[in-house]
Amino acid sequence: MNKHMNIKSGYTDRSLISYDMGPSTEGESTCYYSFNDGSKWWKNPKGQLHRIHGPAVELGSGTQEYWLGGIQVRSKFIKRIMKQRSTNRKFAGG
């Protein structure tokens, strides 16, 4: 596959080497993209950068960006969501 895509202005075009669509281990629909420079991106069915259980963008340089529904958020916000879900599962018996 030799497609080029530019999800957000400011990113350089990368060659898409693989993608996977379907339910994630996080229990939500997601589309995972892997690029030739080592970057990985996760998007929701609406095409927005989105990932609840980690960074939605992992650049080949090691930089990570956290996004929910196309809005960039701080990593501590994602960690708070993960902690809340973990607490809810304990009380629900899961």
C-alpha atoms as a PDB file:
ATOM      1  CA  MET A   1       0.000   0.000   0.000  1.00  0.00           C
ATOM      2  CA  ASN A   2       1.554   3.303  -0.997  1.00  0.00           C
ATOM      3  CA  LYS A   3      -0.897   6.001   0.062  1.00  0.00           C
ATOM      4  CA  HIS A   4      -0.049   9.395   1.497  1.00  0.00           C
ATOM      5  CA  MET A   5      -2.225  11.058   4.062  1.00  0.00           C
ATOM      6  CA  ASN A   6      -2.081  14.236   6.068  1.00  0.00           C
ATOM      7  CA  ILE A   7      -4.439  14.142   9.039  1.00  0.00           C
ATOM      8  CA  LYS A   8      -3.477  17.446  10.660  1.00  0.00           C
ATOM      9  CA  SER A   9      -1.777  20.446   9.099  1.00  0.00           C
ATOM     10  CA  GLY A  10       1.761  20.708  10.367  1.00  0.00           C
ATOM     11  CA  TYR A  11       2.455  16.998   9.971  1.00  0.00           C
ATOM     12  CA  THR A  12       4.477  16.014   6.953  1.00  0.00           C
ATOM     13  CA  ASP A  13       3.035  13.436   4.591  1.00  0.00           C
ATOM     14  CA  ARG A  14       3.930   9.894   5.535  1.00  0.00           C
ATOM     15  CA  SER A  15       3.589   6.685   3.604  1.00  0.00           C
ATOM     16  CA  LEU A  16       0.870   4.527   5.091  1.00  0.00           C
ATOM     17  CA  ILE A  17       2.143   0.972   5.435  1.00  0.00           C
ATOM     18  CA  SER A  18      -0.821  -0.653   7.193  1.00  0.00           C
ATOM     19  CA  TYR A  19      -4.144  -0.005   8.819  1.00  0.00           C
ATOM     20  CA  ASP A  20      -6.704  -2.013  10.745  1.00  0.00           C
ATOM     21  CA  MET A  21     -10.372  -1.222  11.305  1.00  0.00           C
ATOM     22  CA  GLY A  22     -12.654  -2.801  13.840  1.00  0.00           C
ATOM     23  CA  PRO A  23     -13.313  -3.117  17.547  1.00  0.00           C
ATOM     24  CA  SER A  24     -10.279  -2.482  19.683  1.00  0.00           C
ATOM     25  CA  THR A  25      -9.298  -4.186  22.909  1.00  0.00           C
ATOM     26  CA  GLU A  26     -10.568  -0.984  24.519  1.00  0.00           C
ATOM     27  CA  GLY A  27     -14.150  -1.899  23.629  1.00  0.00           C
ATOM     28  CA  GLU A  28     -14.735   0.802  21.040  1.00  0.00           C
ATOM     29  CA  SER A  29     -14.538   0.981  17.264  1.00  0.00           C
ATOM     30  CA  THR A  30     -11.250   2.348  16.090  1.00  0.00           C
ATOM     31  CA  CYS A  31      -9.021   2.569  13.056  1.00  0.00           C
ATOM     32  CA  TYR A  32      -5.296   2.119  13.603  1.00  0.00           C
ATOM     33  CA  TYR A  33      -2.767   3.512  11.109  1.00  0.00           C
ATOM     34  CA  SER A  34       0.916   2.602  10.918  1.00  0.00           C
ATOM     35  CA  PHE A  35       3.359   4.687   8.870  1.00  0.00           C
ATOM     36  CA  ASN A  36       6.775   4.094   7.360  1.00  0.00           C
ATOM     37  CA  ASP A  37       8.486   6.479   9.825  1.00  0.00           C
ATOM     38  CA  GLY A  38       7.295   4.455  12.845  1.00  0.00           C
ATOM     39  CA  SER A  39       4.354   6.746  13.607  1.00  0.00           C
ATOM     40  CA  LYS A  40       1.036   5.265  14.750  1.00  0.00           C
ATOM     41  CA  TRP A  41      -2.343   6.998  14.797  1.00  0.00           C
ATOM     42  CA  TRP A  42      -5.756   5.935  16.105  1.00  0.00           C
ATOM     43  CA  LYS A  43      -9.014   7.435  14.828  1.00  0.00           C
ATOM     44  CA  ASN A  44     -12.674   6.899  15.691  1.00  0.00           C
ATOM     45  CA  PRO A  45     -15.350   6.024  13.061  1.00  0.00           C
ATOM     46  CA  LYS A  46     -15.899   9.765  12.452  1.00  0.00           C
ATOM     47  CA  GLY A  47     -12.283  10.102  11.308  1.00  0.00           C
ATOM     48  CA  GLN A  48     -11.190  12.062  14.389  1.00  0.00           C
ATOM     49  CA  LEU A  49      -7.990  11.338  16.272  1.00  0.00           C
ATOM     50  CA  HIS A  50      -9.249   9.422  19.302  1.00  0.00           C
ATOM     51  CA  ARG A  51      -8.015   6.905  21.847  1.00  0.00           C
ATOM     52  CA  ILE A  52      -9.139   6.400  25.438  1.00  0.00           C
ATOM     53  CA  HIS A  53      -6.449   4.030  26.736  1.00  0.00           C
ATOM     54  CA  GLY A  54      -3.314   5.790  25.560  1.00  0.00           C
ATOM     55  CA  PRO A  55      -1.948   8.275  23.077  1.00  0.00           C
ATOM     56  CA  ALA A  56      -3.864   8.656  19.794  1.00  0.00           C
ATOM     57  CA  VAL A  57      -0.661   9.759  18.067  1.00  0.00           C
ATOM     58  CA  GLU A  58       2.736   8.149  18.595  1.00  0.00           C
ATOM     59  CA  LEU A  59       5.312   9.771  16.365  1.00  0.00           C
ATOM     60  CA  GLY A  60       8.416   7.901  15.247  1.00  0.00           C
ATOM     61  CA  SER A  61      10.475  10.343  17.332  1.00  0.00           C
ATOM     62  CA  GLY A  62       8.745   9.110  20.501  1.00  0.00           C
ATOM     63  CA  THR A  63       6.473  12.134  20.914  1.00  0.00           C
ATOM     64  CA  GLN A  64       2.990  11.184  22.091  1.00  0.00           C
ATOM     65  CA  GLU A  65      -0.257  13.138  21.716  1.00  0.00           C
ATOM     66  CA  TYR A  66      -3.523  12.397  23.471  1.00  0.00           C
ATOM     67  CA  TRP A  67      -6.819  13.039  21.654  1.00  0.00           C
ATOM     68  CA  LEU A  68     -10.498  12.410  22.394  1.00  0.00           C
ATOM     69  CA  GLY A  69     -13.042  12.965  19.640  1.00  0.00           C
ATOM     70  CA  GLY A  70     -10.651  15.147  17.637  1.00  0.00           C
ATOM     71  CA  ILE A  71      -9.744  17.357  20.613  1.00  0.00           C
ATOM     72  CA  GLN A  72      -6.222  17.279  21.964  1.00  0.00           C
ATOM     73  CA  VAL A  73      -6.090  16.670  25.737  1.00  0.00           C
ATOM     74  CA  ARG A  74      -3.384  16.279  28.372  1.00  0.00           C
ATOM     75  CA  SER A  75      -2.133  12.814  29.259  1.00  0.00           C
ATOM     76  CA  LYS A  76      -3.275  13.230  32.880  1.00  0.00           C
ATOM     77  CA  PHE A  77      -6.867  13.569  31.618  1.00  0.00           C
ATOM     78  CA  ILE A  78      -6.604  10.176  29.872  1.00  0.00           C
ATOM     79  CA  LYS A  79      -5.055   8.639  32.996  1.00  0.00           C
ATOM     80  CA  ARG A  80      -7.939   9.980  35.083  1.00  0.00           C
ATOM     81  CA  ILE A  81     -10.458   8.334  32.712  1.00  0.00           C
ATOM     82  CA  MET A  82      -8.567   5.029  32.883  1.00  0.00           C
ATOM     83  CA  LYS A  83      -8.486   5.172  36.694  1.00  0.00           C
ATOM     84  CA  GLN A  84     -12.221   5.920  36.851  1.00  0.00           C
ATOM     85  CA  ARG A  85     -13.043   3.009  34.543  1.00  0.00           C
ATOM     86  CA  SER A  86     -10.870   0.682  36.626  1.00  0.00           C
ATOM     87  CA  THR A  87     -12.640   1.775  39.808  1.00  0.00           C
ATOM     88  CA  ASN A  88     -16.063   1.294  38.178  1.00  0.00           C
ATOM     89  CA  ARG A  89     -15.133  -2.261  37.104  1.00  0.00           C
ATOM     90  CA  LYS A  90     -14.057  -3.170  40.652  1.00  0.00           C
ATOM     91  CA  PHE A  91     -17.394  -2.037  42.060  1.00  0.00           C
ATOM     92  CA  ALA A  92     -19.313  -3.757  39.272  1.00  0.00           C
ATOM     93  CA  GLY A  93     -17.574  -7.048  39.996  1.00  0.00           C
ATOM     94  CA  GLY A  94     -15.570  -7.042  36.727  1.00  0.00           C
END
